[in-house]
Amino acid sequence: MQPRDIMAAGAIVLLWSVNFSVNKIAVSQLPPVLMVAMRFVLIGAMLAPLLRPIGKPFWRIALIAFTLGGLHFGLFFSGLKGIGAGMSAIVAQLAVPFSAVLAAAFFRERTGLPQVAGMAIAFAGIYVIVGEPRLEFDALHLGLAVASA
């Protein structure tokens, strides 16, 4: 890899990791739904010059945008009000094993021993972290964050 590629990858990791802390600060000052709206207006404004007409029915795209955008981030930001940025980052990463479990349940995707072992390790790690006796958290907000993962 070229040094430029390594720096670009590092910048992405840095931005992704700072994302949770910045969002935590923001939801302490603004309502979660306003945060969702501001996020998508800003992204839409930046991407507007790249938009091209599409041939698909608009209602399908609007439904996907609402589900993956408004509902997901609305739940995430609501949950973020009650738990720490670090915990929210960990919970957000649960999307990977949950996706695998749901794909197996609904779409009959086959999971092998390495995938099952990886999911077991992921869930065990979350159990250990959340089960930490000294950890204080609000179960409602943790549930909202998990639902958004």
Foldseek 3Di string as FASTA:
>chain_A
DDPVVVVVVVVVVVCVLCVLVVLLVVVVPDPQQVVLVVVVVVVCVVCVVVDDDDDDDVVVVVVCCCVLRVQLSSLQSQLSPWDPSVLLVLLVVLVVLVVVVVCCVPVVDDDDPVSVVVSVVSVVVNCCVVVPPVDDTDVVSSVSSNVSD
